[in-house]
Amino acid sequence: MPRKSKAEAAPVSTSRAPSKLDRLIAILLPEDGADMAAMIEATGWQAHSIRGALAGALKKRGHTVSSEKIGERRIWRIAAPVEAVQY
């Protein structure tokens, strides 16, 4: 059976839904940030998965995440958005 050329391959969709990590970034960018409950609601992840994403995946993408305890709530936010890399 001959291989399909790239032109014959299945069409590739250029638009995609935002990933859960993209949604997490979106709620952490505003100055007021987000608490754990808001992050759980936005992603559907458990708390330990969110903490892992904050400590790992977001840092790998170049974001600086800060947290602050206000009363009994802890609020996380992205301190400064990543600058676009130019080549």
C-alpha atoms as a PDB file:
ATOM      1  CA  MET A   1       0.000   0.000   0.000  1.00  0.00           C
ATOM      2  CA  PRO A   2       1.582   3.317  -1.069  1.00  0.00           C
ATOM      3  CA  ARG A   3       2.106   6.052   1.485  1.00  0.00           C
ATOM      4  CA  LYS A   4      -0.049   9.156   1.361  1.00  0.00           C
ATOM      5  CA  SER A   5       1.644  12.382   0.400  1.00  0.00           C
ATOM      6  CA  LYS A   6       1.388  15.348   2.731  1.00  0.00           C
ATOM      7  CA  ALA A   7      -1.278  16.863   0.499  1.00  0.00           C
ATOM      8  CA  GLU A   8      -3.395  13.706   0.817  1.00  0.00           C
ATOM      9  CA  ALA A   9      -2.972  13.454   4.588  1.00  0.00           C
ATOM     10  CA  ALA A  10      -5.819  14.357   6.916  1.00  0.00           C
ATOM     11  CA  PRO A  11      -6.395  18.117   7.157  1.00  0.00           C
ATOM     12  CA  VAL A  12      -4.811  19.768  10.160  1.00  0.00           C
ATOM     13  CA  SER A  13      -6.953  22.122  12.212  1.00  0.00           C
ATOM     14  CA  THR A  14      -5.208  25.403  12.931  1.00  0.00           C
ATOM     15  CA  SER A  15      -7.431  26.338  15.863  1.00  0.00           C
ATOM     16  CA  ARG A  16      -7.368  24.384  19.063  1.00  0.00           C
ATOM     17  CA  ALA A  17      -8.951  24.728  22.432  1.00  0.00           C
ATOM     18  CA  PRO A  18      -6.721  26.181  25.143  1.00  0.00           C
ATOM     19  CA  SER A  19      -4.999  23.533  27.229  1.00  0.00           C
ATOM     20  CA  LYS A  20      -5.533  23.305  30.963  1.00  0.00           C
ATOM     21  CA  LEU A  21      -2.096  24.818  31.466  1.00  0.00           C
ATOM     22  CA  ASP A  22      -3.082  27.716  29.192  1.00  0.00           C
ATOM     23  CA  ARG A  23      -6.225  28.237  31.306  1.00  0.00           C
ATOM     24  CA  LEU A  24      -4.115  28.180  34.470  1.00  0.00           C
ATOM     25  CA  ILE A  25      -1.814  30.861  33.041  1.00  0.00           C
ATOM     26  CA  ALA A  26      -4.807  32.975  32.011  1.00  0.00           C
ATOM     27  CA  ILE A  27      -6.238  33.107  35.539  1.00  0.00           C
ATOM     28  CA  LEU A  28      -2.831  33.799  37.110  1.00  0.00           C
ATOM     29  CA  LEU A  29      -1.963  36.752  34.846  1.00  0.00           C
ATOM     30  CA  PRO A  30      -4.380  39.353  36.293  1.00  0.00           C
ATOM     31  CA  GLU A  31      -2.976  41.366  39.182  1.00  0.00           C
ATOM     32  CA  ASP A  32      -5.406  39.837  41.711  1.00  0.00           C
ATOM     33  CA  GLY A  33      -4.199  36.300  40.840  1.00  0.00           C
ATOM     34  CA  ALA A  34      -6.114  33.186  41.872  1.00  0.00           C
ATOM     35  CA  ASP A  35      -6.567  30.972  44.886  1.00  0.00           C
ATOM     36  CA  MET A  36      -6.449  27.169  44.868  1.00  0.00           C
ATOM     37  CA  ALA A  37     -10.224  26.815  44.533  1.00  0.00           C
ATOM     38  CA  ALA A  38     -10.273  28.977  41.386  1.00  0.00           C
ATOM     39  CA  MET A  39      -7.399  27.007  39.852  1.00  0.00           C
ATOM     40  CA  ILE A  40      -9.115  23.697  40.614  1.00  0.00           C
ATOM     41  CA  GLU A  41     -12.326  24.955  39.028  1.00  0.00           C
ATOM     42  CA  ALA A  42     -10.520  26.230  35.921  1.00  0.00           C
ATOM     43  CA  THR A  43      -8.498  23.073  35.261  1.00  0.00           C
ATOM     44  CA  GLY A  44     -10.318  20.207  36.955  1.00  0.00           C
ATOM     45  CA  TRP A  45      -6.991  19.139  38.465  1.00  0.00           C
ATOM     46  CA  GLN A  46      -6.377  18.113  42.058  1.00  0.00           C
ATOM     47  CA  ALA A  47      -4.453  20.469  44.322  1.00  0.00           C
ATOM     48  CA  HIS A  48      -1.195  18.486  44.167  1.00  0.00           C
ATOM     49  CA  SER A  49      -1.264  18.603  40.351  1.00  0.00           C
ATOM     50  CA  ILE A  50      -1.729  22.366  40.383  1.00  0.00           C
ATOM     51  CA  ARG A  51       1.158  22.829  42.803  1.00  0.00           C
ATOM     52  CA  GLY A  52       3.307  20.666  40.499  1.00  0.00           C
ATOM     53  CA  ALA A  53       2.349  22.771  37.480  1.00  0.00           C
ATOM     54  CA  LEU A  54       3.144  25.972  39.386  1.00  0.00           C
ATOM     55  CA  ALA A  55       6.554  24.666  40.439  1.00  0.00           C
ATOM     56  CA  GLY A  56       7.472  22.873  37.225  1.00  0.00           C
ATOM     57  CA  ALA A  57       5.645  23.518  33.967  1.00  0.00           C
ATOM     58  CA  LEU A  58       5.186  27.255  34.438  1.00  0.00           C
ATOM     59  CA  LYS A  59       8.836  27.724  35.386  1.00  0.00           C
ATOM     60  CA  LYS A  60       9.878  25.743  32.305  1.00  0.00           C
ATOM     61  CA  ARG A  61       7.818  28.148  30.202  1.00  0.00           C
ATOM     62  CA  GLY A  62       9.738  31.028  31.810  1.00  0.00           C
ATOM     63  CA  HIS A  63       7.046  32.388  34.127  1.00  0.00           C
ATOM     64  CA  THR A  64       7.839  33.632  37.614  1.00  0.00           C
ATOM     65  CA  VAL A  65       5.088  32.569  40.008  1.00  0.00           C
ATOM     66  CA  SER A  66       4.655  34.335  43.339  1.00  0.00           C
ATOM     67  CA  SER A  67       2.320  33.574  46.200  1.00  0.00           C
ATOM     68  CA  GLU A  68       1.016  35.643  49.050  1.00  0.00           C
ATOM     69  CA  LYS A  69      -1.085  34.724  52.055  1.00  0.00           C
ATOM     70  CA  ILE A  70      -3.929  37.177  52.646  1.00  0.00           C
ATOM     71  CA  GLY A  71      -5.790  36.278  55.816  1.00  0.00           C
ATOM     72  CA  GLU A  72      -6.563  32.578  55.498  1.00  0.00           C
ATOM     73  CA  ARG A  73      -6.287  32.498  51.676  1.00  0.00           C
ATOM     74  CA  ARG A  74      -3.150  31.955  49.646  1.00  0.00           C
ATOM     75  CA  ILE A  75      -3.124  33.778  46.306  1.00  0.00           C
ATOM     76  CA  TRP A  76      -0.811  32.859  43.413  1.00  0.00           C
ATOM     77  CA  ARG A  77      -0.017  35.102  40.463  1.00  0.00           C
ATOM     78  CA  ILE A  78       2.422  35.306  37.609  1.00  0.00           C
ATOM     79  CA  ALA A  79       4.798  38.099  38.587  1.00  0.00           C
ATOM     80  CA  ALA A  80       5.767  39.146  35.059  1.00  0.00           C
ATOM     81  CA  PRO A  81       4.657  37.710  31.735  1.00  0.00           C
ATOM     82  CA  VAL A  82       7.296  36.059  29.569  1.00  0.00           C
ATOM     83  CA  GLU A  83       8.723  38.297  26.882  1.00  0.00           C
ATOM     84  CA  ALA A  84       8.484  36.986  23.337  1.00  0.00           C
ATOM     85  CA  VAL A  85      11.684  35.326  22.205  1.00  0.00           C
ATOM     86  CA  GLN A  86      13.158  36.777  19.038  1.00  0.00           C
ATOM     87  CA  TYR A  87      15.549  34.797  16.871  1.00  0.00           C
END
